[in-house]
Every structure is written in structure tokens, then in C-alpha cells.
Amino acid sequence: MEKVKLAIIYYSQTGTNYQLSKWAAEGAEQAGAEVKILKVKELAPPQAIDSNPAWRAHLDNTQSVPEVSLDDLEWADAIIFSMPTRYGNVPAQLKEFIDSTGGLWFHGKLANKVVSAMTSAQNPHGGQEATLLALYTTMFHWGAIIAAPGYTDAVIFGAGGNPYGTSVTAGPDGLKEDARVAVVHQAKRTVMVASWVKQGLKG
């Protein structure tokens, strides 16, 4: 059977969601997918970035990661988004990219994409669930098929037990949850659902 094509699209200020994306790629590749890790274009002004050494360092260290394009969305059978929460909503950088997809949406090229998402905040109730649901609202408009992890494996509880998608608490000392296995599981599940859809569409 033809491999599932998975685009992992992330926005990360200091590296948390980039790390989640790399774990997702690990799980997806274990499940047999062809994977691209793609970053969202940074829109913040240089002076804001330079005011935070960790932000500047992460941006410099990920220059080799390609920026996502609309062509990547067409290519993908499945998409995993990873982003920090911004007041319980999607970051402006990712929202700007999503808002540019109107042409693909109009021509039906986003329908039946299998989508899942992950997020982070600085505290356990910092808007993670709201951010994932906000993103999924747009995905319903796309006609996408949401592959949330639900409670399909006990490893989800080790990462906080969020059924909408893996969410982590990221502070100065790094991640507070043991999220890697939950992310790997979520990615494998996304690939599995995408393989069913891909096979069904061909049949």
C-alpha cells in the first residue's frame, strides 16, 4: 500500500513545539509514513525576538527547517499541527498561514485531510484545550477528519490526559509531563486513520 504522507506543521517560539514535532515524526515514521517537518513563518519583529535569548537561539538553530507552503498541504494526506496557546487560541503566525488557505479550500483540496494537533502553555490550565478546539473549528470548515487521541491508550494520562491532543506544560525547566510516548501514540494513530481514509478514497 502507498505510504501515508504526513506534514507536521509547527510554530515554536523557544523550541517546545519543535520538540513535540520531532517526537511526532518519530512515531509517524515507525508507522510507515513519509514525513515532512515544516515550520510556520515567524512574523514577530527582530527586536521582540532579540529581547528573549531563547527565542533568538531557537530561531537561529532551526534555519534549516523548511517553511510550510500551500503546496505542502496539497501533498499531505494527513497533518499534525503543533503550536503554543495564545490566550486560549491559535498563535497569530499559524493563523496567518491558515487564513491563506482559502484558495485550496474553495477548490475542495483540503477536504478529507486527516488532522490532529498538539499544544503547550506555561501552566496546566493555560488554554491548551481551548487552543486545540479553536484549531479544530477551522478544520471542520476544511472538511478535514479529526484524529484526536481521545483515551485510546494509557500513555495519554502520563502527558496530562488531554483527549483533544497532547498538551504540555513548558516552563523554564522544560516539560513537566512525560509527553514523548503520548506524542508518538498520537502520531501513529493519525497515520493509521489516514491510511484508512486513503485506502477508502482509492477504493
Protein backbone atom coordinates (compact mmCIF):
# COMPACT_ATOMS: atom_id res chain seq x y z
CA MET A 1 0.00 0.00 0.00
CA GLU A 2 1.16 3.53 -0.76
CA LYS A 3 2.65 5.37 2.21
CA VAL A 4 0.64 7.99 4.08
CA LYS A 5 2.12 11.45 3.50
CA LEU A 6 2.22 13.38 6.78
CA ALA A 7 3.02 17.08 7.16
CA ILE A 8 3.92 18.10 10.72
CA ILE A 9 3.40 21.86 10.83
CA TYR A 10 4.60 23.72 13.88
CA TYR A 11 5.09 27.16 15.33
CA SER A 12 7.57 27.35 18.17
CA GLN A 13 8.98 30.38 19.94
CA THR A 14 11.63 28.70 22.10
CA GLY A 15 11.56 25.08 20.96
CA THR A 16 8.83 23.20 22.84
CA ASN A 17 6.59 22.59 19.84
CA TYR A 18 9.57 21.83 17.64
CA GLN A 19 10.45 19.07 20.11
CA LEU A 20 6.86 17.77 20.03
CA SER A 21 7.05 17.77 16.24
CA LYS A 22 10.24 15.70 16.22
CA TRP A 23 8.62 13.15 18.52
CA ALA A 24 5.58 13.06 16.25
CA ALA A 25 7.84 12.42 13.26
CA GLU A 26 9.44 9.55 15.14
CA GLY A 27 6.05 7.92 15.78
CA ALA A 28 4.78 8.53 12.25
CA GLU A 29 7.89 7.04 10.67
CA GLN A 30 7.53 3.99 12.92
CA ALA A 31 4.01 3.67 11.49
CA GLY A 32 5.41 3.76 7.94
CA ALA A 33 4.55 7.31 6.94
CA GLU A 34 6.50 9.66 4.71
CA VAL A 35 7.04 12.71 6.93
CA LYS A 36 7.88 16.38 6.49
CA ILE A 37 8.52 18.67 9.47
CA LEU A 38 7.65 22.23 8.46
CA LYS A 39 7.73 25.47 10.39
CA VAL A 40 5.36 28.41 10.18
CA LYS A 41 6.91 31.72 9.17
CA GLU A 42 7.89 33.96 12.09
CA LEU A 43 6.07 37.29 11.99
CA ALA A 44 7.41 38.91 15.15
CA PRO A 45 9.78 41.88 14.70
CA PRO A 46 13.51 41.30 15.28
CA GLN A 47 13.55 43.50 18.37
CA ALA A 48 10.93 41.30 20.05
CA ILE A 49 12.86 38.14 19.17
CA ASP A 50 16.16 39.60 20.36
CA SER A 51 14.60 40.54 23.71
CA ASN A 52 14.40 36.83 24.54
CA PRO A 53 17.72 34.94 24.11
CA ALA A 54 15.96 31.56 23.99
CA TRP A 55 13.69 32.79 21.20
CA ARG A 56 16.62 34.08 19.16
CA ALA A 57 18.61 30.88 19.76
CA HIS A 58 15.75 28.66 18.65
CA LEU A 59 15.15 30.70 15.51
CA ASP A 60 18.84 30.56 14.62
CA ASN A 61 19.09 26.83 15.33
CA THR A 62 16.15 25.92 13.09
CA GLN A 63 17.08 27.90 9.98
CA SER A 64 17.42 24.65 8.04
CA VAL A 65 13.80 23.61 8.73
CA PRO A 66 11.72 24.49 5.65
CA GLU A 67 8.80 26.88 5.96
CA VAL A 68 5.41 25.40 5.20
CA SER A 69 3.76 26.26 1.89
CA LEU A 70 0.33 25.69 0.40
CA ASP A 71 1.90 23.01 -1.80
CA ASP A 72 2.71 21.04 1.36
CA LEU A 73 -0.98 20.97 2.29
CA GLU A 74 -1.88 19.62 -1.14
CA TRP A 75 0.85 16.99 -0.84
CA ALA A 76 -0.22 15.74 2.57
CA ASP A 77 -2.76 13.04 3.31
CA ALA A 78 -2.55 13.96 7.00
CA ILE A 79 -1.42 16.95 9.04
CA ILE A 80 -0.32 17.28 12.65
CA PHE A 81 -0.23 20.86 13.93
CA SER A 82 1.83 21.80 16.97
CA MET A 83 1.66 25.28 18.48
CA PRO A 84 1.67 27.14 21.79
CA THR A 85 -1.56 28.61 23.09
CA ARG A 86 -2.11 32.34 22.81
CA TYR A 87 -4.88 33.39 25.21
CA GLY A 88 -6.59 30.05 24.55
CA ASN A 89 -6.30 30.48 20.81
CA VAL A 90 -4.02 29.73 17.87
CA PRO A 91 -0.86 31.88 17.56
CA ALA A 92 -1.04 34.69 15.01
CA GLN A 93 1.79 33.13 12.98
CA LEU A 94 -0.15 29.91 12.41
CA LYS A 95 -3.45 31.75 11.96
CA GLU A 96 -1.90 33.87 9.21
CA PHE A 97 -0.89 30.73 7.33
CA ILE A 98 -4.29 29.09 7.84
CA ASP A 99 -6.00 32.24 6.59
CA SER A 100 -4.02 31.93 3.34
CA THR A 101 -5.59 28.55 2.51
CA GLY A 102 -8.85 29.95 1.09
CA GLY A 103 -7.98 29.04 -2.49
CA LEU A 104 -7.30 25.41 -1.61
CA TRP A 105 -10.48 25.30 0.46
CA PHE A 106 -12.55 26.79 -2.37
CA HIS A 107 -11.35 24.10 -4.77
CA GLY A 108 -12.01 21.29 -2.27
CA LYS A 109 -8.34 20.40 -1.90
CA LEU A 110 -8.39 20.39 1.91
CA ALA A 111 -11.37 18.04 2.24
CA ASN A 112 -10.68 14.64 3.80
CA LYS A 113 -7.28 15.60 5.16
CA VAL A 114 -6.77 13.76 8.44
CA VAL A 115 -5.78 16.28 11.10
CA SER A 116 -4.53 16.10 14.67
CA ALA A 117 -2.96 18.75 16.90
CA MET A 118 -0.73 19.34 19.93
CA THR A 119 -0.08 22.39 22.07
CA SER A 120 1.75 23.87 25.04
CA ALA A 121 1.37 26.56 27.69
CA GLN A 122 3.26 27.72 30.76
CA ASN A 123 0.75 26.29 33.23
CA PRO A 124 -1.62 23.30 33.27
CA HIS A 125 -4.76 25.40 32.67
CA GLY A 126 -3.26 27.96 30.32
CA GLY A 127 -5.69 27.40 27.46
CA GLN A 128 -4.45 24.15 25.94
CA GLU A 129 -7.85 22.56 25.37
CA ALA A 130 -9.34 25.80 24.03
CA THR A 131 -6.45 26.21 21.60
CA LEU A 132 -6.90 22.74 20.16
CA LEU A 133 -10.65 23.20 19.83
CA ALA A 134 -10.13 26.58 18.16
CA LEU A 135 -7.88 24.98 15.58
CA TYR A 136 -10.29 22.10 15.02
CA THR A 137 -13.11 24.59 14.33
CA THR A 138 -11.20 25.71 11.23
CA MET A 139 -10.57 22.08 10.29
CA PHE A 140 -14.32 21.43 10.24
CA HIS A 141 -14.60 24.21 7.65
CA TRP A 142 -11.90 22.48 5.61
CA GLY A 143 -13.88 19.24 5.65
CA ALA A 144 -10.97 17.59 7.44
CA ILE A 145 -11.28 14.42 9.50
CA ILE A 146 -10.13 14.97 13.09
CA ALA A 147 -8.00 12.17 14.56
CA ALA A 148 -7.82 13.25 18.19
CA PRO A 149 -6.11 10.79 20.55
CA GLY A 150 -9.12 10.51 22.88
CA TYR A 151 -8.36 7.94 25.56
CA THR A 152 -7.15 5.26 23.17
CA ASP A 153 -4.04 4.40 25.19
CA ALA A 154 -2.99 4.73 28.84
CA VAL A 155 0.11 6.71 27.83
CA ILE A 156 -2.14 9.73 27.27
CA PHE A 157 -2.58 10.13 31.03
CA GLY A 158 1.17 10.49 31.52
CA ALA A 159 1.02 13.64 29.41
CA GLY A 160 -1.89 15.13 31.34
CA GLY A 161 -4.80 13.20 29.82
CA ASN A 162 -5.98 15.68 27.20
CA PRO A 163 -8.30 13.83 24.77
CA TYR A 164 -8.16 16.59 22.15
CA GLY A 165 -4.41 16.30 21.60
CA THR A 166 -1.18 16.04 23.53
CA SER A 167 -0.68 19.19 25.60
CA VAL A 168 2.28 20.01 27.77
CA THR A 169 3.26 22.49 30.45
CA ALA A 170 6.51 24.15 29.41
CA GLY A 171 8.37 26.26 31.94
CA PRO A 172 11.96 27.44 32.36
CA ASP A 173 12.95 23.92 33.43
CA GLY A 174 11.46 22.27 30.35
CA LEU A 175 8.43 19.99 30.03
CA LYS A 176 6.66 18.94 33.21
CA GLU A 177 4.89 15.96 31.61
CA ASP A 178 6.27 12.73 30.19
CA ALA A 179 4.88 13.58 26.79
CA ARG A 180 7.07 11.68 24.34
CA VAL A 181 5.17 8.39 24.37
CA ALA A 182 1.83 10.22 24.14
CA VAL A 183 3.02 12.19 21.12
CA VAL A 184 4.33 9.03 19.46
CA HIS A 185 0.99 7.33 20.06
CA GLN A 186 -0.94 10.32 18.69
CA ALA A 187 1.19 10.37 15.55
CA LYS A 188 0.76 6.64 14.99
CA ARG A 189 -2.98 6.97 15.43
CA THR A 190 -3.11 9.86 12.95
CA VAL A 191 -1.23 7.79 10.37
CA MET A 192 -3.50 4.80 11.00
CA VAL A 193 -6.67 6.83 10.45
CA ALA A 194 -5.13 8.49 7.39
CA SER A 195 -4.30 5.08 5.94
CA TRP A 196 -7.94 4.03 6.31
CA VAL A 197 -9.12 7.21 4.59
CA LYS A 198 -6.53 6.96 1.83
CA GLN A 199 -7.45 3.33 1.16
CA GLY A 200 -11.17 4.13 1.24
CA LEU A 201 -10.85 7.04 -1.18
CA LYS A 202 -8.92 4.87 -3.64
CA GLY A 203 -11.46 2.05 -3.33
